[in-house]
N, C-alpha and C. Protein backbone atom coordinates (compact mmCIF):
# COMPACT_ATOMS: atom_id res chain seq x y z
N UNK A 1 13.25 -13.27 15.88
CA UNK A 1 12.35 -12.93 14.80
C UNK A 1 12.61 -13.89 13.65
N UNK A 2 11.63 -14.68 13.31
CA UNK A 2 11.76 -15.68 12.26
C UNK A 2 11.31 -15.06 10.93
N UNK A 3 12.23 -15.00 9.97
CA UNK A 3 11.85 -14.49 8.66
C UNK A 3 11.89 -15.65 7.68
N UNK A 4 10.72 -16.15 7.39
CA UNK A 4 10.60 -17.29 6.50
C UNK A 4 10.54 -16.79 5.07
N UNK A 5 11.28 -17.43 4.19
CA UNK A 5 11.29 -17.05 2.78
C UNK A 5 10.00 -17.45 2.11
N UNK A 6 9.53 -16.65 1.17
CA UNK A 6 8.37 -17.07 0.39
C UNK A 6 8.73 -18.29 -0.46
N UNK A 7 7.70 -19.01 -0.88
CA UNK A 7 7.94 -20.22 -1.67
C UNK A 7 8.60 -19.91 -3.00
N UNK A 8 8.49 -18.69 -3.48
CA UNK A 8 9.03 -18.33 -4.79
C UNK A 8 10.42 -17.73 -4.72
N UNK A 9 11.07 -17.77 -3.55
CA UNK A 9 12.40 -17.21 -3.38
C UNK A 9 13.44 -18.32 -3.24
N UNK A 10 14.65 -18.02 -3.68
CA UNK A 10 15.76 -18.96 -3.56
C UNK A 10 16.61 -18.51 -2.38
N UNK A 11 16.87 -19.40 -1.41
CA UNK A 11 17.67 -19.01 -0.26
C UNK A 11 19.13 -18.74 -0.63
N UNK A 12 19.76 -17.83 0.10
CA UNK A 12 21.16 -17.53 -0.10
C UNK A 12 22.04 -18.58 0.57
N UNK A 13 23.26 -18.68 0.11
CA UNK A 13 24.24 -19.52 0.78
C UNK A 13 24.26 -20.97 0.35
N UNK A 14 23.63 -21.30 -0.76
CA UNK A 14 23.69 -22.68 -1.24
C UNK A 14 24.96 -22.80 -2.09
N UNK A 15 25.91 -23.56 -1.62
CA UNK A 15 27.21 -23.68 -2.29
C UNK A 15 27.17 -24.71 -3.42
N UNK A 16 26.46 -25.80 -3.21
CA UNK A 16 26.41 -26.88 -4.20
C UNK A 16 25.60 -26.42 -5.41
N UNK A 17 26.19 -26.45 -6.63
CA UNK A 17 25.47 -25.99 -7.81
C UNK A 17 24.22 -26.82 -8.11
N UNK A 18 24.26 -28.10 -7.81
CA UNK A 18 23.09 -28.95 -8.07
C UNK A 18 21.96 -28.57 -7.12
N UNK A 19 22.29 -28.40 -5.85
CA UNK A 19 21.27 -28.00 -4.88
C UNK A 19 20.71 -26.62 -5.21
N UNK A 20 21.57 -25.71 -5.66
CA UNK A 20 21.11 -24.36 -6.05
C UNK A 20 20.17 -24.45 -7.24
N UNK A 21 20.51 -25.28 -8.22
CA UNK A 21 19.65 -25.44 -9.40
C UNK A 21 18.29 -26.02 -9.00
N UNK A 22 18.32 -26.99 -8.08
CA UNK A 22 17.06 -27.56 -7.60
C UNK A 22 16.21 -26.50 -6.89
N UNK A 23 16.86 -25.69 -6.06
CA UNK A 23 16.14 -24.64 -5.34
C UNK A 23 15.56 -23.61 -6.31
N UNK A 24 16.33 -23.26 -7.35
CA UNK A 24 15.83 -22.31 -8.35
C UNK A 24 14.66 -22.90 -9.13
N UNK A 25 14.76 -24.18 -9.50
CA UNK A 25 13.67 -24.84 -10.22
C UNK A 25 12.41 -24.90 -9.36
N UNK A 26 12.59 -25.25 -8.10
CA UNK A 26 11.46 -25.32 -7.18
C UNK A 26 10.79 -23.95 -7.04
N UNK A 27 11.60 -22.90 -6.90
CA UNK A 27 11.05 -21.55 -6.77
C UNK A 27 10.34 -21.13 -8.05
N UNK A 28 10.91 -21.48 -9.20
CA UNK A 28 10.28 -21.13 -10.47
C UNK A 28 8.95 -21.85 -10.64
N UNK A 29 8.89 -23.12 -10.28
CA UNK A 29 7.64 -23.87 -10.38
C UNK A 29 6.57 -23.31 -9.45
N UNK A 30 6.97 -22.91 -8.24
CA UNK A 30 6.01 -22.29 -7.33
C UNK A 30 5.51 -20.96 -7.88
N UNK A 31 6.41 -20.19 -8.49
CA UNK A 31 6.00 -18.90 -9.07
C UNK A 31 5.01 -19.11 -10.22
N UNK A 32 5.27 -20.11 -11.05
CA UNK A 32 4.36 -20.41 -12.15
C UNK A 32 3.01 -20.86 -11.61
N UNK A 33 3.02 -21.69 -10.58
CA UNK A 33 1.78 -22.15 -9.97
C UNK A 33 0.98 -20.98 -9.41
N UNK A 34 1.66 -20.06 -8.74
CA UNK A 34 0.96 -18.89 -8.17
C UNK A 34 0.36 -18.03 -9.27
N UNK A 35 1.10 -17.85 -10.36
CA UNK A 35 0.65 -16.99 -11.44
C UNK A 35 -0.48 -17.64 -12.24
N UNK A 36 -0.44 -18.96 -12.41
CA UNK A 36 -1.40 -19.65 -13.26
C UNK A 36 -2.66 -20.08 -12.52
N UNK A 37 -2.67 -20.03 -11.22
CA UNK A 37 -3.82 -20.49 -10.45
C UNK A 37 -4.86 -19.37 -10.38
N UNK A 38 -5.62 -19.23 -11.46
CA UNK A 38 -6.59 -18.14 -11.58
C UNK A 38 -7.70 -18.24 -10.54
N UNK A 39 -8.27 -19.40 -10.28
CA UNK A 39 -9.32 -19.44 -9.25
C UNK A 39 -8.84 -18.98 -7.87
N UNK A 40 -7.62 -19.36 -7.50
CA UNK A 40 -7.08 -18.93 -6.21
C UNK A 40 -6.87 -17.42 -6.19
N UNK A 41 -6.35 -16.87 -7.30
CA UNK A 41 -6.14 -15.42 -7.37
C UNK A 41 -7.47 -14.68 -7.35
N UNK A 42 -8.49 -15.24 -8.04
CA UNK A 42 -9.81 -14.60 -8.05
C UNK A 42 -10.43 -14.63 -6.65
N UNK A 43 -10.25 -15.73 -5.94
CA UNK A 43 -10.79 -15.82 -4.58
C UNK A 43 -10.12 -14.79 -3.67
N UNK A 44 -8.80 -14.64 -3.80
CA UNK A 44 -8.11 -13.63 -2.98
C UNK A 44 -8.57 -12.22 -3.32
N UNK A 45 -8.75 -11.93 -4.62
CA UNK A 45 -9.20 -10.60 -5.04
C UNK A 45 -10.62 -10.33 -4.54
N UNK A 46 -11.48 -11.35 -4.59
CA UNK A 46 -12.85 -11.21 -4.11
C UNK A 46 -12.85 -10.94 -2.60
N UNK A 47 -12.02 -11.66 -1.89
CA UNK A 47 -11.93 -11.45 -0.44
C UNK A 47 -11.46 -10.04 -0.11
N UNK A 48 -10.43 -9.56 -0.84
CA UNK A 48 -9.95 -8.19 -0.61
C UNK A 48 -11.03 -7.16 -0.92
N UNK A 49 -11.78 -7.37 -2.01
CA UNK A 49 -12.84 -6.43 -2.38
C UNK A 49 -13.96 -6.45 -1.35
N UNK A 50 -14.29 -7.62 -0.84
CA UNK A 50 -15.34 -7.73 0.17
C UNK A 50 -14.94 -7.00 1.44
N UNK A 51 -13.71 -7.20 1.88
CA UNK A 51 -13.23 -6.52 3.09
C UNK A 51 -13.24 -5.00 2.87
N UNK A 52 -12.78 -4.58 1.71
CA UNK A 52 -12.76 -3.15 1.41
C UNK A 52 -14.16 -2.56 1.38
N UNK A 53 -15.10 -3.27 0.77
CA UNK A 53 -16.48 -2.78 0.70
C UNK A 53 -17.11 -2.71 2.08
N UNK A 54 -16.83 -3.70 2.92
CA UNK A 54 -17.38 -3.67 4.28
C UNK A 54 -16.80 -2.53 5.10
N UNK A 55 -15.51 -2.28 4.93
CA UNK A 55 -14.90 -1.16 5.64
C UNK A 55 -15.49 0.16 5.17
N UNK A 56 -15.70 0.29 3.87
CA UNK A 56 -16.32 1.51 3.33
C UNK A 56 -17.73 1.67 3.86
N UNK A 57 -18.50 0.58 3.91
CA UNK A 57 -19.87 0.64 4.41
C UNK A 57 -19.90 1.00 5.89
N UNK A 58 -18.92 0.53 6.65
CA UNK A 58 -18.85 0.88 8.07
C UNK A 58 -18.53 2.36 8.26
N UNK A 59 -17.64 2.88 7.42
CA UNK A 59 -17.25 4.30 7.53
C UNK A 59 -18.32 5.23 6.97
N UNK A 60 -18.98 4.81 5.89
CA UNK A 60 -19.90 5.70 5.19
C UNK A 60 -21.11 4.91 4.71
N UNK A 61 -22.09 4.66 5.58
CA UNK A 61 -23.25 3.86 5.19
C UNK A 61 -24.08 4.49 4.08
N UNK A 62 -24.21 5.82 4.09
CA UNK A 62 -24.99 6.49 3.05
C UNK A 62 -24.30 6.36 1.70
N UNK A 63 -23.00 6.53 1.68
CA UNK A 63 -22.25 6.38 0.43
C UNK A 63 -22.30 4.96 -0.09
N UNK A 64 -22.28 3.98 0.82
CA UNK A 64 -22.36 2.58 0.41
C UNK A 64 -23.73 2.29 -0.19
N UNK A 65 -24.77 2.83 0.40
CA UNK A 65 -26.11 2.63 -0.14
C UNK A 65 -26.23 3.28 -1.52
N UNK A 66 -25.68 4.47 -1.65
CA UNK A 66 -25.71 5.15 -2.96
C UNK A 66 -24.91 4.37 -4.00
N UNK A 67 -23.79 3.82 -3.59
CA UNK A 67 -22.98 3.02 -4.52
C UNK A 67 -23.74 1.76 -4.94
N UNK A 68 -24.43 1.12 -4.00
CA UNK A 68 -25.21 -0.08 -4.33
C UNK A 68 -26.32 0.25 -5.31
N UNK A 69 -27.00 1.37 -5.09
CA UNK A 69 -28.06 1.80 -6.02
C UNK A 69 -27.46 2.10 -7.39
N UNK A 70 -26.32 2.75 -7.42
CA UNK A 70 -25.67 3.06 -8.69
C UNK A 70 -25.25 1.81 -9.46
N UNK A 71 -24.71 0.83 -8.74
CA UNK A 71 -24.32 -0.42 -9.40
C UNK A 71 -25.55 -1.15 -9.92
N UNK A 72 -26.62 -1.19 -9.13
CA UNK A 72 -27.84 -1.85 -9.58
C UNK A 72 -28.42 -1.15 -10.81
N UNK A 73 -28.37 0.16 -10.82
CA UNK A 73 -28.86 0.92 -11.96
C UNK A 73 -28.01 0.64 -13.20
N UNK A 74 -26.70 0.61 -13.04
CA UNK A 74 -25.82 0.34 -14.18
C UNK A 74 -26.05 -1.07 -14.74
N UNK A 75 -26.17 -2.05 -13.87
CA UNK A 75 -26.43 -3.42 -14.33
C UNK A 75 -27.78 -3.49 -15.03
N UNK A 76 -28.77 -2.84 -14.47
CA UNK A 76 -30.10 -2.82 -15.11
C UNK A 76 -30.06 -2.20 -16.49
N UNK A 77 -29.32 -1.10 -16.62
CA UNK A 77 -29.22 -0.45 -17.93
C UNK A 77 -28.50 -1.33 -18.94
N UNK A 78 -27.46 -2.01 -18.51
CA UNK A 78 -26.73 -2.90 -19.42
C UNK A 78 -27.64 -4.04 -19.87
N UNK A 79 -28.37 -4.64 -18.95
CA UNK A 79 -29.28 -5.74 -19.31
C UNK A 79 -30.37 -5.23 -20.22
N UNK A 80 -30.95 -4.09 -19.89
CA UNK A 80 -32.01 -3.52 -20.73
C UNK A 80 -31.48 -3.25 -22.14
N UNK A 81 -30.28 -2.67 -22.24
CA UNK A 81 -29.70 -2.39 -23.55
C UNK A 81 -29.42 -3.66 -24.34
N UNK A 82 -28.93 -4.69 -23.66
CA UNK A 82 -28.66 -5.96 -24.37
C UNK A 82 -29.93 -6.59 -24.87
N UNK A 83 -30.98 -6.59 -24.05
CA UNK A 83 -32.26 -7.17 -24.48
C UNK A 83 -32.85 -6.35 -25.62
N UNK A 84 -32.71 -5.06 -25.53
CA UNK A 84 -33.26 -4.22 -26.61
C UNK A 84 -32.54 -4.46 -27.92
N UNK A 85 -31.21 -4.58 -27.87
CA UNK A 85 -30.46 -4.89 -29.09
C UNK A 85 -30.82 -6.26 -29.63
N UNK A 86 -31.02 -7.23 -28.75
CA UNK A 86 -31.33 -8.59 -29.17
C UNK A 86 -32.70 -8.67 -29.84
N UNK A 87 -33.68 -7.90 -29.32
CA UNK A 87 -35.05 -7.99 -29.84
C UNK A 87 -35.25 -7.18 -31.11
N UNK A 88 -34.31 -6.35 -31.50
CA UNK A 88 -34.46 -5.56 -32.73
C UNK A 88 -33.97 -6.29 -33.92
């Protein structure tokens, strides 16, 4: 069973202090990259939401249709309210 460390982890057993510092710096830079990469995080969140919505629609088609109508109604009301405020 191969357990590969994540890019943001520092492996155990590094005796050389310089090598350990390099490994810690590398892990810290990877962690910063993961945290700061907003488009990548947004794409992952969108993918998770899409999978979840499809699973919900497969389990409950009527509920999914009702949810879609509710979302469309809410967006319509928000747009209508914004236009009404703008035109007054």
